[in-house]
Amino acid sequence: MYTQDVINFTCLSHCRLNSESLLQAKPELVPSLLTLALNDAMTYDKATKTGGPNGSIRLSAEISRPENSGLSAALDLLVEAKKEIDSYSKGGPLSFADLIQIAASQALKKTFLDAAIAKTGGNQEKGRTLYSAYGSSGQWGFFDKIFGRDDAQEPDPEGRVPQWSTASVQEMKDKFISVGLGPRQVAVMSAFFGPDQAATEEKLIADPDCRPWVEKYQRSRETVSRTDYEVDLITAVTKLSYLGQKINYEAYTYPKQKINLGKLKL
């Protein structure tokens, strides 16, 4: 057998390249891809150990719910991406559960890179150098190893995910606390609650629990490296990406082709 790490790396590389090209073509879908991954994960129920980032949001009964309004275009984009990825996957089809989380990570990396480019006055080359040298690009190691989520075949129960645009800050905090997170993660994930991060932060900053974290991450985004913001965001996203999931670390492996030494010409 090929080793698991080689196969996962190969499959993950294809996903990254495919996601990057799609995001370049449809940059307006970045916020929706972030919310899609968040809402798929936030169906997790700690008491029953059910739900979570299991790809159930792809099912029509779930994507049509009010809290997922406006996310269909992002899902359609991933459906098309999956067809291409599966066409050259030797280890079987990629799960939607994996693809949704990987696409969100790529969308997030795009926002990080765009910020670095903006800090260099729009210079693409200098921005990429800045992001590679001082940014958070090296912090994704653990996330990249969480590869092998299974797809749910039934929608997760209703009522587990708030409508972020209308939810109170207390409702947002309560939901995050219920899955083992808290106000700090609510603040750092402000870009995941809709397309207007500034409006979300204005709402969060009125809450005494969220305020110090919002202010911390706003200050961090003003620095060259943006380290506190980006590292804490990657940490939160990573934790959400496997809530309640049994990861099959041998997913996408396949038998190594045998070589008949008897047919070799010496």
C-alpha atoms as a PDB file:
ATOM      1  CA  MET A   1       0.000   0.000   0.000  1.00  0.00           C
ATOM      2  CA  TYR A   2       1.032   3.575  -0.477  1.00  0.00           C
ATOM      3  CA  THR A   3       1.342   5.278   2.877  1.00  0.00           C
ATOM      4  CA  GLN A   4      -1.692   7.208   4.082  1.00  0.00           C
ATOM      5  CA  ASP A   5       0.253  10.467   4.254  1.00  0.00           C
ATOM      6  CA  VAL A   6       1.196  10.323   0.576  1.00  0.00           C
ATOM      7  CA  ILE A   7      -2.357   9.646  -0.577  1.00  0.00           C
ATOM      8  CA  ASN A   8      -3.912  12.256   1.681  1.00  0.00           C
ATOM      9  CA  PHE A   9      -1.338  14.823   0.581  1.00  0.00           C
ATOM     10  CA  THR A  10      -2.014  14.099  -3.085  1.00  0.00           C
ATOM     11  CA  CYS A  11      -5.778  14.347  -2.690  1.00  0.00           C
ATOM     12  CA  LEU A  12      -5.499  17.438  -0.513  1.00  0.00           C
ATOM     13  CA  SER A  13      -3.229  19.110  -3.067  1.00  0.00           C
ATOM     14  CA  HIS A  14      -5.812  18.544  -5.808  1.00  0.00           C
ATOM     15  CA  CYS A  15      -8.526  19.997  -3.559  1.00  0.00           C
ATOM     16  CA  ARG A  16      -6.418  23.055  -2.824  1.00  0.00           C
ATOM     17  CA  LEU A  17      -5.595  23.730  -6.459  1.00  0.00           C
ATOM     18  CA  ASN A  18      -9.198  23.245  -7.522  1.00  0.00           C
ATOM     19  CA  SER A  19     -10.488  25.472  -4.718  1.00  0.00           C
ATOM     20  CA  GLU A  20      -7.962  28.201  -5.505  1.00  0.00           C
ATOM     21  CA  SER A  21      -9.024  28.365  -9.146  1.00  0.00           C
ATOM     22  CA  LEU A  22     -12.710  28.442  -8.208  1.00  0.00           C
ATOM     23  CA  LEU A  23     -12.161  31.237  -5.683  1.00  0.00           C
ATOM     24  CA  GLN A  24     -10.315  33.274  -8.278  1.00  0.00           C
ATOM     25  CA  ALA A  25     -13.294  32.893 -10.605  1.00  0.00           C
ATOM     26  CA  LYS A  26     -15.937  33.477  -7.898  1.00  0.00           C
ATOM     27  CA  PRO A  27     -14.369  35.650  -5.159  1.00  0.00           C
ATOM     28  CA  GLU A  28     -17.808  36.932  -4.172  1.00  0.00           C
ATOM     29  CA  LEU A  29     -18.611  33.477  -2.759  1.00  0.00           C
ATOM     30  CA  VAL A  30     -15.852  33.582  -0.119  1.00  0.00           C
ATOM     31  CA  PRO A  31     -18.195  34.727   2.718  1.00  0.00           C
ATOM     32  CA  SER A  32     -20.780  32.087   1.776  1.00  0.00           C
ATOM     33  CA  LEU A  33     -18.165  29.314   1.770  1.00  0.00           C
ATOM     34  CA  LEU A  34     -17.146  30.333   5.288  1.00  0.00           C
ATOM     35  CA  THR A  35     -20.742  30.311   6.531  1.00  0.00           C
ATOM     36  CA  LEU A  36     -21.431  27.012   4.755  1.00  0.00           C
ATOM     37  CA  ALA A  37     -18.620  25.325   6.699  1.00  0.00           C
ATOM     38  CA  LEU A  38     -19.681  26.966   9.964  1.00  0.00           C
ATOM     39  CA  ASN A  39     -23.317  25.925   9.617  1.00  0.00           C
ATOM     40  CA  ASP A  40     -22.416  22.365   8.657  1.00  0.00           C
ATOM     41  CA  ALA A  41     -20.298  22.107  11.816  1.00  0.00           C
ATOM     42  CA  MET A  42     -22.709  23.905  14.151  1.00  0.00           C
ATOM     43  CA  THR A  43     -25.332  21.160  13.946  1.00  0.00           C
ATOM     44  CA  TYR A  44     -23.162  19.311  16.474  1.00  0.00           C
ATOM     45  CA  ASP A  45     -24.979  18.395  19.678  1.00  0.00           C
ATOM     46  CA  LYS A  46     -22.608  17.654  22.545  1.00  0.00           C
ATOM     47  CA  ALA A  47     -25.178  15.748  24.612  1.00  0.00           C
ATOM     48  CA  THR A  48     -26.067  13.216  21.923  1.00  0.00           C
ATOM     49  CA  LYS A  49     -22.739  13.363  20.053  1.00  0.00           C
ATOM     50  CA  THR A  50     -24.638  13.826  16.788  1.00  0.00           C
ATOM     51  CA  GLY A  51     -24.363  16.275  13.913  1.00  0.00           C
ATOM     52  CA  GLY A  52     -21.276  18.327  13.200  1.00  0.00           C
ATOM     53  CA  PRO A  53     -19.259  18.794   9.992  1.00  0.00           C
ATOM     54  CA  ASN A  54     -20.619  15.705   8.267  1.00  0.00           C
ATOM     55  CA  GLY A  55     -21.660  17.194   4.923  1.00  0.00           C
ATOM     56  CA  SER A  56     -25.376  16.999   5.749  1.00  0.00           C
ATOM     57  CA  ILE A  57     -25.800  20.631   4.699  1.00  0.00           C
ATOM     58  CA  ARG A  58     -25.558  19.441   1.080  1.00  0.00           C
ATOM     59  CA  LEU A  59     -28.942  17.696   1.417  1.00  0.00           C
ATOM     60  CA  SER A  60     -31.914  19.645   0.079  1.00  0.00           C
ATOM     61  CA  ALA A  61     -33.856  19.373   3.346  1.00  0.00           C
ATOM     62  CA  GLU A  62     -31.020  21.125   5.186  1.00  0.00           C
ATOM     63  CA  ILE A  63     -29.641  23.664   2.699  1.00  0.00           C
ATOM     64  CA  SER A  64     -33.198  25.016   2.278  1.00  0.00           C
ATOM     65  CA  ARG A  65     -33.524  25.946   5.960  1.00  0.00           C
ATOM     66  CA  PRO A  66     -33.754  29.666   6.867  1.00  0.00           C
ATOM     67  CA  GLU A  67     -30.319  29.746   8.516  1.00  0.00           C
ATOM     68  CA  ASN A  68     -28.784  28.520   5.241  1.00  0.00           C
ATOM     69  CA  SER A  69     -30.488  31.088   3.038  1.00  0.00           C
ATOM     70  CA  GLY A  70     -28.118  32.405   0.385  1.00  0.00           C
ATOM     71  CA  LEU A  71     -25.663  29.498   0.630  1.00  0.00           C
ATOM     72  CA  SER A  72     -26.910  27.473  -2.353  1.00  0.00           C
ATOM     73  CA  ALA A  73     -24.546  29.169  -4.818  1.00  0.00           C
ATOM     74  CA  ALA A  74     -21.547  28.210  -2.676  1.00  0.00           C
ATOM     75  CA  LEU A  75     -22.798  24.636  -2.421  1.00  0.00           C
ATOM     76  CA  ASP A  76     -23.376  24.466  -6.191  1.00  0.00           C
ATOM     77  CA  LEU A  77     -19.795  25.608  -6.702  1.00  0.00           C
ATOM     78  CA  LEU A  78     -18.535  22.742  -4.546  1.00  0.00           C
ATOM     79  CA  VAL A  79     -20.762  20.212  -6.310  1.00  0.00           C
ATOM     80  CA  GLU A  80     -19.057  21.115  -9.589  1.00  0.00           C
ATOM     81  CA  ALA A  81     -15.618  21.115  -7.970  1.00  0.00           C
ATOM     82  CA  LYS A  82     -16.219  17.658  -6.533  1.00  0.00           C
ATOM     83  CA  LYS A  83     -16.956  16.235  -9.978  1.00  0.00           C
ATOM     84  CA  GLU A  84     -13.544  17.334 -11.223  1.00  0.00           C
ATOM     85  CA  ILE A  85     -11.707  16.214  -8.092  1.00  0.00           C
ATOM     86  CA  ASP A  86     -13.380  12.793  -8.148  1.00  0.00           C
ATOM     87  CA  SER A  87     -12.491  12.341 -11.822  1.00  0.00           C
ATOM     88  CA  TYR A  88      -8.789  12.025 -11.001  1.00  0.00           C
ATOM     89  CA  SER A  89      -9.003  10.575  -7.484  1.00  0.00           C
ATOM     90  CA  LYS A  90      -7.541   7.072  -7.333  1.00  0.00           C
ATOM     91  CA  GLY A  91      -8.709   6.583  -3.757  1.00  0.00           C
ATOM     92  CA  GLY A  92     -12.425   7.005  -4.320  1.00  0.00           C
ATOM     93  CA  PRO A  93     -14.734  10.028  -4.263  1.00  0.00           C
ATOM     94  CA  LEU A  94     -14.024  12.900  -1.919  1.00  0.00           C
ATOM     95  CA  SER A  95     -16.633  13.356   0.799  1.00  0.00           C
ATOM     96  CA  PHE A  96     -18.624  16.587   0.889  1.00  0.00           C
ATOM     97  CA  ALA A  97     -17.802  16.746   4.594  1.00  0.00           C
ATOM     98  CA  ASP A  98     -14.104  17.046   3.736  1.00  0.00           C
ATOM     99  CA  LEU A  99     -14.609  19.309   0.735  1.00  0.00           C
ATOM    100  CA  ILE A 100     -16.759  21.849   2.592  1.00  0.00           C
ATOM    101  CA  GLN A 101     -14.133  22.299   5.315  1.00  0.00           C
ATOM    102  CA  ILE A 102     -11.202  22.367   2.879  1.00  0.00           C
ATOM    103  CA  ALA A 103     -12.947  24.944   0.692  1.00  0.00           C
ATOM    104  CA  ALA A 104     -13.533  27.144   3.741  1.00  0.00           C
ATOM    105  CA  SER A 105      -9.858  26.912   4.678  1.00  0.00           C
ATOM    106  CA  GLN A 106      -8.893  27.960   1.155  1.00  0.00           C
ATOM    107  CA  ALA A 107     -11.372  30.835   1.277  1.00  0.00           C
ATOM    108  CA  LEU A 108      -9.880  31.934   4.574  1.00  0.00           C
ATOM    109  CA  LYS A 109      -6.348  31.753   3.179  1.00  0.00           C
ATOM    110  CA  LYS A 110      -7.496  33.962   0.314  1.00  0.00           C
ATOM    111  CA  THR A 111      -8.657  36.629   2.773  1.00  0.00           C
ATOM    112  CA  PHE A 112      -5.305  36.399   4.575  1.00  0.00           C
ATOM    113  CA  LEU A 113      -3.354  36.733   1.336  1.00  0.00           C
ATOM    114  CA  ASP A 114      -5.551  39.584   0.106  1.00  0.00           C
ATOM    115  CA  ALA A 115      -4.870  41.430   3.362  1.00  0.00           C
ATOM    116  CA  ALA A 116      -1.113  40.956   2.940  1.00  0.00           C
ATOM    117  CA  ILE A 117      -1.283  42.243  -0.638  1.00  0.00           C
ATOM    118  CA  ALA A 118      -3.267  45.273   0.531  1.00  0.00           C
ATOM    119  CA  LYS A 119      -0.583  46.047   3.133  1.00  0.00           C
ATOM    120  CA  THR A 120       2.014  46.220   0.345  1.00  0.00           C
ATOM    121  CA  GLY A 121      -0.022  48.716  -1.637  1.00  0.00           C
ATOM    122  CA  GLY A 122      -1.544  46.103  -3.908  1.00  0.00           C
ATOM    123  CA  ASN A 123       1.758  44.587  -5.020  1.00  0.00           C
ATOM    124  CA  GLN A 124       0.997  40.908  -5.646  1.00  0.00           C
ATOM    125  CA  GLU A 125       4.582  39.667  -5.427  1.00  0.00           C
ATOM    126  CA  LYS A 126       5.430  41.609  -2.278  1.00  0.00           C
ATOM    127  CA  GLY A 127       2.119  40.612  -0.707  1.00  0.00           C
ATOM    128  CA  ARG A 128       2.767  36.924  -1.304  1.00  0.00           C
ATOM    129  CA  THR A 129       6.253  37.293   0.127  1.00  0.00           C
ATOM    130  CA  LEU A 130       4.866  39.056   3.190  1.00  0.00           C
ATOM    131  CA  TYR A 131       2.254  36.352   3.742  1.00  0.00           C
ATOM    132  CA  SER A 132       4.799  33.547   3.320  1.00  0.00           C
ATOM    133  CA  ALA A 133       7.400  35.150   5.564  1.00  0.00           C
ATOM    134  CA  TYR A 134       5.304  36.674   8.345  1.00  0.00           C
ATOM    135  CA  GLY A 135       1.770  35.386   7.913  1.00  0.00           C
ATOM    136  CA  SER A 136      -0.002  32.330   9.267  1.00  0.00           C
ATOM    137  CA  SER A 137       0.558  30.035   6.278  1.00  0.00           C
ATOM    138  CA  GLY A 138       2.532  27.593   8.428  1.00  0.00           C
ATOM    139  CA  GLN A 139      -0.232  27.185  11.020  1.00  0.00           C
ATOM    140  CA  TRP A 140      -2.489  24.831   9.050  1.00  0.00           C
ATOM    141  CA  GLY A 141      -0.579  21.609   9.796  1.00  0.00           C
ATOM    142  CA  PHE A 142      -3.104  19.987  12.135  1.00  0.00           C
ATOM    143  CA  PHE A 143      -6.080  21.046  10.013  1.00  0.00           C
ATOM    144  CA  ASP A 144      -4.527  19.398   6.959  1.00  0.00           C
ATOM    145  CA  LYS A 145      -4.243  16.072   8.805  1.00  0.00           C
ATOM    146  CA  ILE A 146      -7.979  15.944   9.577  1.00  0.00           C
ATOM    147  CA  PHE A 147      -8.926  14.315   6.325  1.00  0.00           C
ATOM    148  CA  GLY A 148     -11.391  11.431   6.152  1.00  0.00           C
ATOM    149  CA  ARG A 149     -14.789  12.637   7.384  1.00  0.00           C
ATOM    150  CA  ASP A 150     -17.777  10.530   6.347  1.00  0.00           C
ATOM    151  CA  ASP A 151     -20.839  12.047   4.701  1.00  0.00           C
ATOM    152  CA  ALA A 152     -24.132  11.870   6.582  1.00  0.00           C
ATOM    153  CA  GLN A 153     -26.978  10.373   4.583  1.00  0.00           C
ATOM    154  CA  GLU A 154     -29.753  12.163   6.467  1.00  0.00           C
ATOM    155  CA  PRO A 155     -30.150  15.848   7.358  1.00  0.00           C
ATOM    156  CA  ASP A 156     -29.209  16.827  10.889  1.00  0.00           C
ATOM    157  CA  PRO A 157     -32.074  17.830  13.221  1.00  0.00           C
ATOM    158  CA  GLU A 158     -33.550  21.288  12.783  1.00  0.00           C
ATOM    159  CA  GLY A 159     -33.178  24.083  15.299  1.00  0.00           C
ATOM    160  CA  ARG A 160     -29.506  23.586  16.076  1.00  0.00           C
ATOM    161  CA  VAL A 161     -28.055  26.472  14.048  1.00  0.00           C
ATOM    162  CA  PRO A 162     -29.036  30.107  14.690  1.00  0.00           C
ATOM    163  CA  GLN A 163     -29.775  32.571  11.923  1.00  0.00           C
ATOM    164  CA  TRP A 164     -26.619  34.565  12.500  1.00  0.00           C
ATOM    165  CA  SER A 165     -27.925  37.748  10.881  1.00  0.00           C
ATOM    166  CA  THR A 166     -30.838  38.030  13.311  1.00  0.00           C
ATOM    167  CA  ALA A 167     -29.518  36.149  16.353  1.00  0.00           C
ATOM    168  CA  SER A 168     -28.679  38.118  19.473  1.00  0.00           C
ATOM    169  CA  VAL A 169     -25.089  38.091  20.679  1.00  0.00           C
ATOM    170  CA  GLN A 170     -26.245  36.031  23.656  1.00  0.00           C
ATOM    171  CA  GLU A 171     -27.710  33.411  21.311  1.00  0.00           C
ATOM    172  CA  MET A 172     -24.450  33.328  19.378  1.00  0.00           C
ATOM    173  CA  LYS A 173     -22.424  32.902  22.569  1.00  0.00           C
ATOM    174  CA  ASP A 174     -24.773  30.213  23.859  1.00  0.00           C
ATOM    175  CA  LYS A 175     -24.395  28.211  20.659  1.00  0.00           C
ATOM    176  CA  PHE A 176     -20.616  28.433  20.704  1.00  0.00           C
ATOM    177  CA  ILE A 177     -20.493  27.502  24.390  1.00  0.00           C
ATOM    178  CA  SER A 178     -22.696  24.471  23.690  1.00  0.00           C
ATOM    179  CA  VAL A 179     -20.032  23.020  21.364  1.00  0.00           C
ATOM    180  CA  GLY A 180     -17.116  23.766  23.675  1.00  0.00           C
ATOM    181  CA  LEU A 181     -16.113  27.229  22.448  1.00  0.00           C
ATOM    182  CA  GLY A 182     -16.981  30.705  23.741  1.00  0.00           C
ATOM    183  CA  PRO A 183     -16.967  34.505  23.270  1.00  0.00           C
ATOM    184  CA  ARG A 184     -13.343  34.499  22.128  1.00  0.00           C
ATOM    185  CA  GLN A 185     -14.181  32.234  19.186  1.00  0.00           C
ATOM    186  CA  VAL A 186     -17.362  34.184  18.403  1.00  0.00           C
ATOM    187  CA  ALA A 187     -15.219  37.312  18.094  1.00  0.00           C
ATOM    188  CA  VAL A 188     -12.435  35.809  16.007  1.00  0.00           C
ATOM    189  CA  MET A 189     -14.928  34.142  13.633  1.00  0.00           C
ATOM    190  CA  SER A 190     -16.805  37.375  12.907  1.00  0.00           C
ATOM    191  CA  ALA A 191     -16.171  36.939   9.167  1.00  0.00           C
ATOM    192  CA  PHE A 192     -18.149  33.672   9.199  1.00  0.00           C
ATOM    193  CA  PHE A 193     -21.502  35.201  10.165  1.00  0.00           C
ATOM    194  CA  GLY A 194     -22.172  37.017   6.900  1.00  0.00           C
ATOM    195  CA  PRO A 195     -20.599  39.187   4.207  1.00  0.00           C
ATOM    196  CA  ASP A 196     -20.256  42.328   6.381  1.00  0.00           C
ATOM    197  CA  GLN A 197     -17.598  41.608   9.008  1.00  0.00           C
ATOM    198  CA  ALA A 198     -17.550  45.228  10.188  1.00  0.00           C
ATOM    199  CA  ALA A 199     -21.290  45.190  10.894  1.00  0.00           C
ATOM    200  CA  THR A 200     -20.969  41.912  12.785  1.00  0.00           C
ATOM    201  CA  GLU A 201     -18.144  43.285  14.915  1.00  0.00           C
ATOM    202  CA  GLU A 202     -20.138  46.429  15.660  1.00  0.00           C
ATOM    203  CA  LYS A 203     -22.852  44.153  17.005  1.00  0.00           C
ATOM    204  CA  LEU A 204     -20.427  41.990  19.002  1.00  0.00           C
ATOM    205  CA  ILE A 205     -18.479  44.869  20.518  1.00  0.00           C
ATOM    206  CA  ALA A 206     -21.551  45.962  22.465  1.00  0.00           C
ATOM    207  CA  ASP A 207     -21.331  42.721  24.448  1.00  0.00           C
ATOM    208  CA  PRO A 208     -18.964  42.879  27.458  1.00  0.00           C
ATOM    209  CA  ASP A 209     -17.750  39.295  26.949  1.00  0.00           C
ATOM    210  CA  CYS A 210     -16.949  39.752  23.261  1.00  0.00           C
ATOM    211  CA  ARG A 211     -15.704  43.344  23.361  1.00  0.00           C
ATOM    212  CA  PRO A 212     -12.101  42.722  24.545  1.00  0.00           C
ATOM    213  CA  TRP A 213     -11.645  39.976  21.961  1.00  0.00           C
ATOM    214  CA  VAL A 214     -13.112  42.003  19.105  1.00  0.00           C
ATOM    215  CA  GLU A 215     -10.811  44.898  19.985  1.00  0.00           C
ATOM    216  CA  LYS A 216      -7.812  42.571  20.227  1.00  0.00           C
ATOM    217  CA  TYR A 217      -8.423  41.102  16.783  1.00  0.00           C
ATOM    218  CA  GLN A 218      -9.113  44.487  15.226  1.00  0.00           C
ATOM    219  CA  ARG A 219      -5.747  45.700  16.533  1.00  0.00           C
ATOM    220  CA  SER A 220      -4.086  42.539  15.264  1.00  0.00           C
ATOM    221  CA  ARG A 221      -5.455  43.054  11.753  1.00  0.00           C
ATOM    222  CA  GLU A 222      -3.780  46.458  11.710  1.00  0.00           C
ATOM    223  CA  THR A 223      -0.334  44.919  12.255  1.00  0.00           C
ATOM    224  CA  VAL A 224       1.892  43.657   9.455  1.00  0.00           C
ATOM    225  CA  SER A 225       1.760  39.995  10.473  1.00  0.00           C
ATOM    226  CA  ARG A 226      -1.830  39.887  11.865  1.00  0.00           C
ATOM    227  CA  THR A 227      -0.556  36.964  13.960  1.00  0.00           C
ATOM    228  CA  ASP A 228      -3.002  36.974  16.886  1.00  0.00           C
ATOM    229  CA  TYR A 229      -6.034  37.198  14.632  1.00  0.00           C
ATOM    230  CA  GLU A 230      -4.985  34.665  12.017  1.00  0.00           C
ATOM    231  CA  VAL A 231      -3.534  32.052  14.387  1.00  0.00           C
ATOM    232  CA  ASP A 232      -6.530  32.180  16.738  1.00  0.00           C
ATOM    233  CA  LEU A 233      -8.901  31.975  13.775  1.00  0.00           C
ATOM    234  CA  ILE A 234      -7.117  28.928  12.350  1.00  0.00           C
ATOM    235  CA  THR A 235      -7.256  27.291  15.792  1.00  0.00           C
ATOM    236  CA  ALA A 236     -11.012  27.899  16.090  1.00  0.00           C
ATOM    237  CA  VAL A 237     -11.724  26.722  12.546  1.00  0.00           C
ATOM    238  CA  THR A 238      -9.670  23.581  13.084  1.00  0.00           C
ATOM    239  CA  LYS A 239     -11.581  22.659  16.235  1.00  0.00           C
ATOM    240  CA  LEU A 240     -14.939  23.222  14.551  1.00  0.00           C
ATOM    241  CA  SER A 241     -13.912  21.187  11.529  1.00  0.00           C
ATOM    242  CA  TYR A 242     -13.979  17.835  13.328  1.00  0.00           C
ATOM    243  CA  LEU A 243     -16.630  18.241  16.050  1.00  0.00           C
ATOM    244  CA  GLY A 244     -18.131  14.821  16.735  1.00  0.00           C
ATOM    245  CA  GLN A 245     -16.535  13.194  13.693  1.00  0.00           C
ATOM    246  CA  LYS A 246     -14.733   9.867  13.528  1.00  0.00           C
ATOM    247  CA  ILE A 247     -11.904  10.567  11.130  1.00  0.00           C
ATOM    248  CA  ASN A 248     -10.930   7.722   8.831  1.00  0.00           C
ATOM    249  CA  TYR A 249      -7.254   8.470   8.362  1.00  0.00           C
ATOM    250  CA  GLU A 250      -7.018   5.756   5.723  1.00  0.00           C
ATOM    251  CA  ALA A 251      -9.612   7.404   3.506  1.00  0.00           C
ATOM    252  CA  TYR A 252      -8.576   7.798  -0.124  1.00  0.00           C
ATOM    253  CA  THR A 253      -5.812   5.183   0.144  1.00  0.00           C
ATOM    254  CA  TYR A 254      -5.534   2.599  -2.605  1.00  0.00           C
ATOM    255  CA  PRO A 255      -3.449  -0.516  -3.351  1.00  0.00           C
ATOM    256  CA  LYS A 256       0.016   0.090  -4.661  1.00  0.00           C
ATOM    257  CA  GLN A 257       0.452  -1.155  -8.188  1.00  0.00           C
ATOM    258  CA  LYS A 258       2.497  -4.337  -8.246  1.00  0.00           C
ATOM    259  CA  ILE A 259       5.466  -4.569 -10.552  1.00  0.00           C
ATOM    260  CA  ASN A 260       6.088  -7.911 -12.211  1.00  0.00           C
ATOM    261  CA  LEU A 261       9.853  -8.176 -11.971  1.00  0.00           C
ATOM    262  CA  GLY A 262       9.787 -11.189 -14.270  1.00  0.00           C
ATOM    263  CA  LYS A 263       8.768  -8.994 -17.192  1.00  0.00           C
ATOM    264  CA  LEU A 264      11.543  -6.478 -16.709  1.00  0.00           C
ATOM    265  CA  LYS A 265      14.197  -6.497 -19.399  1.00  0.00           C
ATOM    266  CA  LEU A 266      17.678  -6.340 -17.967  1.00  0.00           C
END
